[in-house]
Every structure is written in C-alpha cells, then in structure tokens.
Amino acid sequence: MTRDEHLMTIAMEECNEIAVRISKAKRFGMDQIQQDADDKPEENPDRLTNRERIIREYYDLRAVLGMIGIDAWDMSDTARSCEFQKVLKVEQYLIRSDACGTLTEPT
C-alpha cells in the first residue's frame, strides 16, 4: 500500500470516528461527558464533552486530508459557495421532513 493509500485509509477511519462521536451526541446530548471519563479516565483524560470530541475528530480529519494534499482549510470563494449551497440543500430537506411530519422540535 502506498503512503497516499495509507493516508486515505486513515481519513476513512477519522470519518468513522466523527460518525461515532455524532452518534454518541445524538444519544446522550452534545454537552454530555461520556461515562468512561469516570470509569476509564485514560480514554477521556480532559473530560471533554461530545461536542468537544466531535470538534477534535474533525480537526484530525482535516489534518490527514492535508497530508493527502486536500486543502481542508480552503477559504476560497469556491469553497464558501459549495458550503453555502450545501446549507441551502440541507435546509430544503429539513422543510420537506417537517412537511412529512418526521421533524420534531426538541423537548
């Protein structure tokens, strides 16, 4: 396996770690500090919240993408436009979900 292939595999793993952290936040809340912070403090020595852990995993992904040669820090007009278009698309789907009755307000 080449260096780039290894880095791509690591990037995939980082994506999965982000997904796991988001899943934990969905289940237990963004501000929850996972119980293993008490049971196994070595796994979360800084007692980070799920929100903070998502952010750290995201930074890890950006670092690895940079090693592959993908500028994850790109702030160009093109990058901003792509991000804006994605936000609009997601908002449209949220409106559709609301109309279908599958979007609920937090309690």
N, C-alpha and C. Protein backbone atom coordinates (compact mmCIF):
# COMPACT_ATOMS: atom_id res chain seq x y z
N MET A 1 0.86 -1.17 0.00
CA MET A 1 0.00 0.00 0.00
C MET A 1 0.90 1.24 0.00
N THR A 2 0.55 2.21 -0.81
CA THR A 2 1.35 3.43 -0.88
C THR A 2 1.05 4.34 0.31
N ARG A 3 1.88 5.35 0.49
CA ARG A 3 1.67 6.33 1.56
C ARG A 3 0.28 6.97 1.42
N ASP A 4 -0.07 7.39 0.20
CA ASP A 4 -1.39 8.02 -0.01
C ASP A 4 -2.52 7.05 0.32
N GLU A 5 -2.36 5.79 -0.03
CA GLU A 5 -3.40 4.81 0.29
C GLU A 5 -3.53 4.64 1.81
N HIS A 6 -2.41 4.62 2.50
CA HIS A 6 -2.47 4.57 3.97
C HIS A 6 -3.19 5.80 4.52
N LEU A 7 -2.83 6.97 3.99
CA LEU A 7 -3.46 8.20 4.47
C LEU A 7 -4.95 8.23 4.16
N MET A 8 -5.34 7.71 3.01
CA MET A 8 -6.76 7.63 2.67
C MET A 8 -7.50 6.72 3.64
N THR A 9 -6.86 5.61 4.02
CA THR A 9 -7.47 4.70 5.00
C THR A 9 -7.61 5.39 6.35
N ILE A 10 -6.60 6.13 6.74
CA ILE A 10 -6.68 6.88 8.00
C ILE A 10 -7.79 7.92 7.92
N ALA A 11 -7.92 8.59 6.78
CA ALA A 11 -9.00 9.57 6.61
C ALA A 11 -10.37 8.90 6.75
N MET A 12 -10.52 7.71 6.17
CA MET A 12 -11.79 6.98 6.32
C MET A 12 -12.04 6.65 7.78
N GLU A 13 -11.01 6.24 8.50
CA GLU A 13 -11.16 5.94 9.92
C GLU A 13 -11.57 7.19 10.70
N GLU A 14 -10.97 8.33 10.35
CA GLU A 14 -11.34 9.58 11.02
C GLU A 14 -12.80 9.93 10.75
N CYS A 15 -13.26 9.69 9.51
CA CYS A 15 -14.68 9.93 9.20
C CYS A 15 -15.56 9.06 10.09
N ASN A 16 -15.16 7.80 10.26
CA ASN A 16 -15.93 6.90 11.11
C ASN A 16 -15.92 7.36 12.56
N GLU A 17 -14.78 7.87 13.03
CA GLU A 17 -14.70 8.35 14.41
C GLU A 17 -15.61 9.56 14.61
N ILE A 18 -15.70 10.41 13.59
CA ILE A 18 -16.62 11.54 13.66
C ILE A 18 -18.06 11.02 13.75
N ALA A 19 -18.37 10.02 12.92
CA ALA A 19 -19.72 9.45 12.93
C ALA A 19 -20.06 8.86 14.30
N VAL A 20 -19.13 8.16 14.91
CA VAL A 20 -19.36 7.58 16.24
C VAL A 20 -19.61 8.69 17.26
N ARG A 21 -18.80 9.72 17.23
CA ARG A 21 -18.96 10.83 18.19
C ARG A 21 -20.31 11.51 18.00
N ILE A 22 -20.72 11.72 16.75
CA ILE A 22 -22.02 12.35 16.49
C ILE A 22 -23.14 11.44 16.97
N SER A 23 -22.99 10.13 16.78
CA SER A 23 -23.98 9.17 17.27
C SER A 23 -24.10 9.26 18.79
N LYS A 24 -22.97 9.35 19.48
CA LYS A 24 -22.99 9.48 20.95
C LYS A 24 -23.70 10.77 21.34
N ALA A 25 -23.41 11.85 20.63
CA ALA A 25 -24.05 13.14 20.93
C ALA A 25 -25.55 13.06 20.70
N LYS A 26 -25.96 12.37 19.65
CA LYS A 26 -27.39 12.22 19.37
C LYS A 26 -28.06 11.45 20.49
N ARG A 27 -27.40 10.43 20.99
CA ARG A 27 -28.00 9.58 22.02
C ARG A 27 -27.96 10.21 23.40
N PHE A 28 -26.87 10.92 23.71
CA PHE A 28 -26.67 11.38 25.09
C PHE A 28 -26.58 12.90 25.24
N GLY A 29 -26.57 13.63 24.12
CA GLY A 29 -26.51 15.09 24.18
C GLY A 29 -25.11 15.61 23.86
N MET A 30 -25.09 16.80 23.28
CA MET A 30 -23.82 17.41 22.87
C MET A 30 -22.93 17.75 24.06
N ASP A 31 -23.53 18.08 25.19
CA ASP A 31 -22.74 18.54 26.33
C ASP A 31 -22.43 17.44 27.34
N GLN A 32 -22.83 16.21 27.03
CA GLN A 32 -22.57 15.10 27.94
C GLN A 32 -21.10 14.72 27.91
N ILE A 33 -20.56 14.40 29.07
CA ILE A 33 -19.21 13.86 29.18
C ILE A 33 -19.39 12.36 29.35
N GLN A 34 -18.86 11.60 28.41
CA GLN A 34 -19.09 10.15 28.39
C GLN A 34 -18.66 9.52 29.71
N GLN A 35 -19.45 8.54 30.15
CA GLN A 35 -19.22 7.90 31.44
C GLN A 35 -17.81 7.34 31.59
N ASP A 36 -17.19 6.91 30.48
CA ASP A 36 -15.85 6.34 30.62
C ASP A 36 -14.84 7.36 31.13
N ALA A 37 -15.24 8.63 31.16
CA ALA A 37 -14.35 9.63 31.74
C ALA A 37 -14.15 9.35 33.22
N ASP A 38 -15.14 8.71 33.84
CA ASP A 38 -15.01 8.32 35.24
C ASP A 38 -14.50 6.88 35.37
N ASP A 39 -15.04 5.98 34.54
CA ASP A 39 -14.68 4.57 34.63
C ASP A 39 -13.28 4.27 34.08
N LYS A 40 -12.95 4.92 32.96
CA LYS A 40 -11.64 4.73 32.31
C LYS A 40 -11.09 6.11 31.95
N PRO A 41 -10.60 6.84 32.92
CA PRO A 41 -10.18 8.23 32.65
C PRO A 41 -9.11 8.36 31.57
N GLU A 42 -8.35 7.30 31.31
CA GLU A 42 -7.33 7.37 30.27
C GLU A 42 -7.95 7.54 28.87
N GLU A 43 -9.23 7.19 28.72
CA GLU A 43 -9.90 7.32 27.42
C GLU A 43 -10.45 8.73 27.19
N ASN A 44 -10.55 9.52 28.24
CA ASN A 44 -11.02 10.91 28.11
C ASN A 44 -10.43 11.72 29.27
N PRO A 45 -9.10 11.83 29.30
CA PRO A 45 -8.46 12.48 30.45
C PRO A 45 -8.85 13.93 30.64
N ASP A 46 -9.20 14.61 29.55
CA ASP A 46 -9.57 16.02 29.64
C ASP A 46 -11.06 16.23 29.94
N ARG A 47 -11.79 15.10 30.10
CA ARG A 47 -13.23 15.15 30.38
C ARG A 47 -13.96 16.04 29.35
N LEU A 48 -13.73 15.73 28.09
CA LEU A 48 -14.33 16.51 27.01
C LEU A 48 -15.78 16.12 26.81
N THR A 49 -16.57 17.10 26.42
CA THR A 49 -17.96 16.83 26.06
C THR A 49 -18.00 16.19 24.68
N ASN A 50 -19.16 15.65 24.33
CA ASN A 50 -19.31 15.10 22.98
C ASN A 50 -19.05 16.16 21.92
N ARG A 51 -19.51 17.38 22.16
CA ARG A 51 -19.27 18.49 21.22
C ARG A 51 -17.77 18.69 21.01
N GLU A 52 -17.02 18.75 22.10
CA GLU A 52 -15.58 18.96 22.02
C GLU A 52 -14.88 17.78 21.34
N ARG A 53 -15.38 16.59 21.57
CA ARG A 53 -14.77 15.41 20.95
C ARG A 53 -15.06 15.37 19.44
N ILE A 54 -16.24 15.80 19.03
CA ILE A 54 -16.55 15.89 17.60
C ILE A 54 -15.59 16.88 16.94
N ILE A 55 -15.41 18.02 17.57
CA ILE A 55 -14.52 19.05 17.00
C ILE A 55 -13.10 18.51 16.86
N ARG A 56 -12.61 17.81 17.89
CA ARG A 56 -11.25 17.27 17.82
C ARG A 56 -11.12 16.23 16.71
N GLU A 57 -12.14 15.38 16.56
CA GLU A 57 -12.09 14.39 15.48
C GLU A 57 -12.11 15.07 14.12
N TYR A 58 -12.89 16.14 14.01
CA TYR A 58 -12.95 16.91 12.76
C TYR A 58 -11.58 17.50 12.44
N TYR A 59 -10.91 18.04 13.43
CA TYR A 59 -9.56 18.59 13.21
C TYR A 59 -8.59 17.49 12.80
N ASP A 60 -8.74 16.31 13.40
CA ASP A 60 -7.89 15.17 13.00
C ASP A 60 -8.10 14.85 11.52
N LEU A 61 -9.37 14.84 11.08
CA LEU A 61 -9.67 14.56 9.68
C LEU A 61 -9.04 15.61 8.77
N ARG A 62 -9.19 16.87 9.14
CA ARG A 62 -8.62 17.94 8.31
C ARG A 62 -7.10 17.79 8.19
N ALA A 63 -6.46 17.41 9.29
CA ALA A 63 -5.00 17.23 9.26
C ALA A 63 -4.60 16.13 8.28
N VAL A 64 -5.30 15.01 8.33
CA VAL A 64 -4.97 13.90 7.45
C VAL A 64 -5.28 14.26 5.99
N LEU A 65 -6.39 14.94 5.76
CA LEU A 65 -6.70 15.38 4.39
C LEU A 65 -5.59 16.28 3.86
N GLY A 66 -5.06 17.14 4.71
CA GLY A 66 -3.95 17.98 4.30
C GLY A 66 -2.74 17.18 3.91
N MET A 67 -2.49 16.09 4.63
CA MET A 67 -1.35 15.22 4.31
C MET A 67 -1.53 14.54 2.96
N ILE A 68 -2.78 14.34 2.55
CA ILE A 68 -3.08 13.73 1.25
C ILE A 68 -2.93 14.76 0.14
N GLY A 69 -3.01 16.04 0.51
CA GLY A 69 -2.92 17.10 -0.48
C GLY A 69 -4.24 17.78 -0.75
N ILE A 70 -5.20 17.54 0.13
CA ILE A 70 -6.51 18.19 0.03
C ILE A 70 -6.53 19.33 1.02
N ASP A 71 -6.74 20.53 0.53
CA ASP A 71 -6.72 21.71 1.40
C ASP A 71 -8.04 21.82 2.14
N ALA A 72 -8.10 21.20 3.30
CA ALA A 72 -9.32 21.22 4.11
C ALA A 72 -9.51 22.58 4.78
N TRP A 73 -8.55 23.46 4.66
CA TRP A 73 -8.62 24.80 5.27
C TRP A 73 -8.99 25.84 4.21
N ASP A 74 -9.34 25.38 3.03
CA ASP A 74 -9.65 26.26 1.90
C ASP A 74 -10.76 27.24 2.26
N MET A 75 -10.47 28.51 2.10
CA MET A 75 -11.47 29.54 2.39
C MET A 75 -11.78 30.35 1.13
N SER A 76 -11.53 29.74 -0.02
CA SER A 76 -11.75 30.43 -1.29
C SER A 76 -13.24 30.70 -1.51
N ASP A 77 -13.52 31.53 -2.49
CA ASP A 77 -14.91 31.80 -2.86
C ASP A 77 -15.61 30.51 -3.30
N THR A 78 -14.89 29.64 -4.00
CA THR A 78 -15.47 28.37 -4.44
C THR A 78 -15.86 27.52 -3.23
N ALA A 79 -14.96 27.43 -2.25
CA ALA A 79 -15.26 26.64 -1.05
C ALA A 79 -16.46 27.21 -0.32
N ARG A 80 -16.48 28.51 -0.15
CA ARG A 80 -17.61 29.16 0.53
C ARG A 80 -18.92 28.94 -0.21
N SER A 81 -18.86 29.02 -1.53
CA SER A 81 -20.06 28.80 -2.35
C SER A 81 -20.56 27.37 -2.20
N CYS A 82 -19.65 26.41 -2.23
CA CYS A 82 -20.05 25.00 -2.06
C CYS A 82 -20.69 24.78 -0.70
N GLU A 83 -20.10 25.36 0.33
CA GLU A 83 -20.66 25.23 1.68
C GLU A 83 -22.04 25.87 1.75
N PHE A 84 -22.18 27.04 1.16
CA PHE A 84 -23.48 27.74 1.17
C PHE A 84 -24.53 26.92 0.43
N GLN A 85 -24.17 26.35 -0.72
CA GLN A 85 -25.11 25.54 -1.48
C GLN A 85 -25.54 24.31 -0.68
N LYS A 86 -24.62 23.73 0.07
CA LYS A 86 -24.95 22.56 0.90
C LYS A 86 -25.92 22.96 2.00
N VAL A 87 -25.68 24.09 2.63
CA VAL A 87 -26.58 24.56 3.68
C VAL A 87 -27.99 24.74 3.12
N LEU A 88 -28.10 25.36 1.96
CA LEU A 88 -29.41 25.56 1.34
C LEU A 88 -30.10 24.23 1.07
N LYS A 89 -29.34 23.27 0.55
CA LYS A 89 -29.89 21.95 0.23
C LYS A 89 -30.39 21.24 1.49
N VAL A 90 -29.59 21.28 2.54
CA VAL A 90 -29.99 20.64 3.80
C VAL A 90 -31.23 21.31 4.36
N GLU A 91 -31.29 22.64 4.31
CA GLU A 91 -32.47 23.36 4.80
C GLU A 91 -33.71 22.97 4.00
N GLN A 92 -33.58 22.78 2.70
CA GLN A 92 -34.71 22.35 1.88
C GLN A 92 -35.21 20.98 2.32
N TYR A 93 -34.28 20.07 2.60
CA TYR A 93 -34.68 18.73 3.05
C TYR A 93 -35.29 18.77 4.44
N LEU A 94 -34.83 19.68 5.29
CA LEU A 94 -35.46 19.83 6.60
C LEU A 94 -36.90 20.31 6.47
N ILE A 95 -37.15 21.21 5.53
CA ILE A 95 -38.51 21.68 5.27
C ILE A 95 -39.37 20.51 4.79
N ARG A 96 -38.82 19.69 3.90
CA ARG A 96 -39.55 18.52 3.40
C ARG A 96 -39.84 17.53 4.53
N SER A 97 -38.84 17.31 5.40
CA SER A 97 -39.05 16.41 6.54
C SER A 97 -40.13 16.94 7.46
N ASP A 98 -40.14 18.24 7.67
CA ASP A 98 -41.17 18.85 8.51
C ASP A 98 -42.55 18.64 7.90
N ALA A 99 -42.66 18.83 6.59
CA ALA A 99 -43.93 18.64 5.90
C ALA A 99 -44.40 17.18 5.98
N CYS A 100 -43.45 16.26 6.05
CA CYS A 100 -43.78 14.83 6.17
C CYS A 100 -44.10 14.44 7.61
N GLY A 101 -43.86 15.35 8.52
CA GLY A 101 -44.13 15.07 9.92
C GLY A 101 -43.02 14.29 10.64
N THR A 102 -41.84 14.24 10.02
CA THR A 102 -40.75 13.47 10.64
C THR A 102 -39.74 14.35 11.36
N LEU A 103 -39.93 15.66 11.30
CA LEU A 103 -39.03 16.58 12.01
C LEU A 103 -39.77 17.10 13.24
N THR A 104 -39.20 16.88 14.38
CA THR A 104 -39.84 17.33 15.61
C THR A 104 -38.98 18.37 16.30
N GLU A 105 -39.62 19.17 17.12
CA GLU A 105 -38.91 20.17 17.91
C GLU A 105 -38.34 19.48 19.15
N PRO A 106 -37.16 19.93 19.61
CA PRO A 106 -36.62 19.34 20.83
C PRO A 106 -37.54 19.61 22.01
N THR A 107 -37.56 18.65 22.93
CA THR A 107 -38.43 18.81 24.11
C THR A 107 -37.65 19.34 25.27
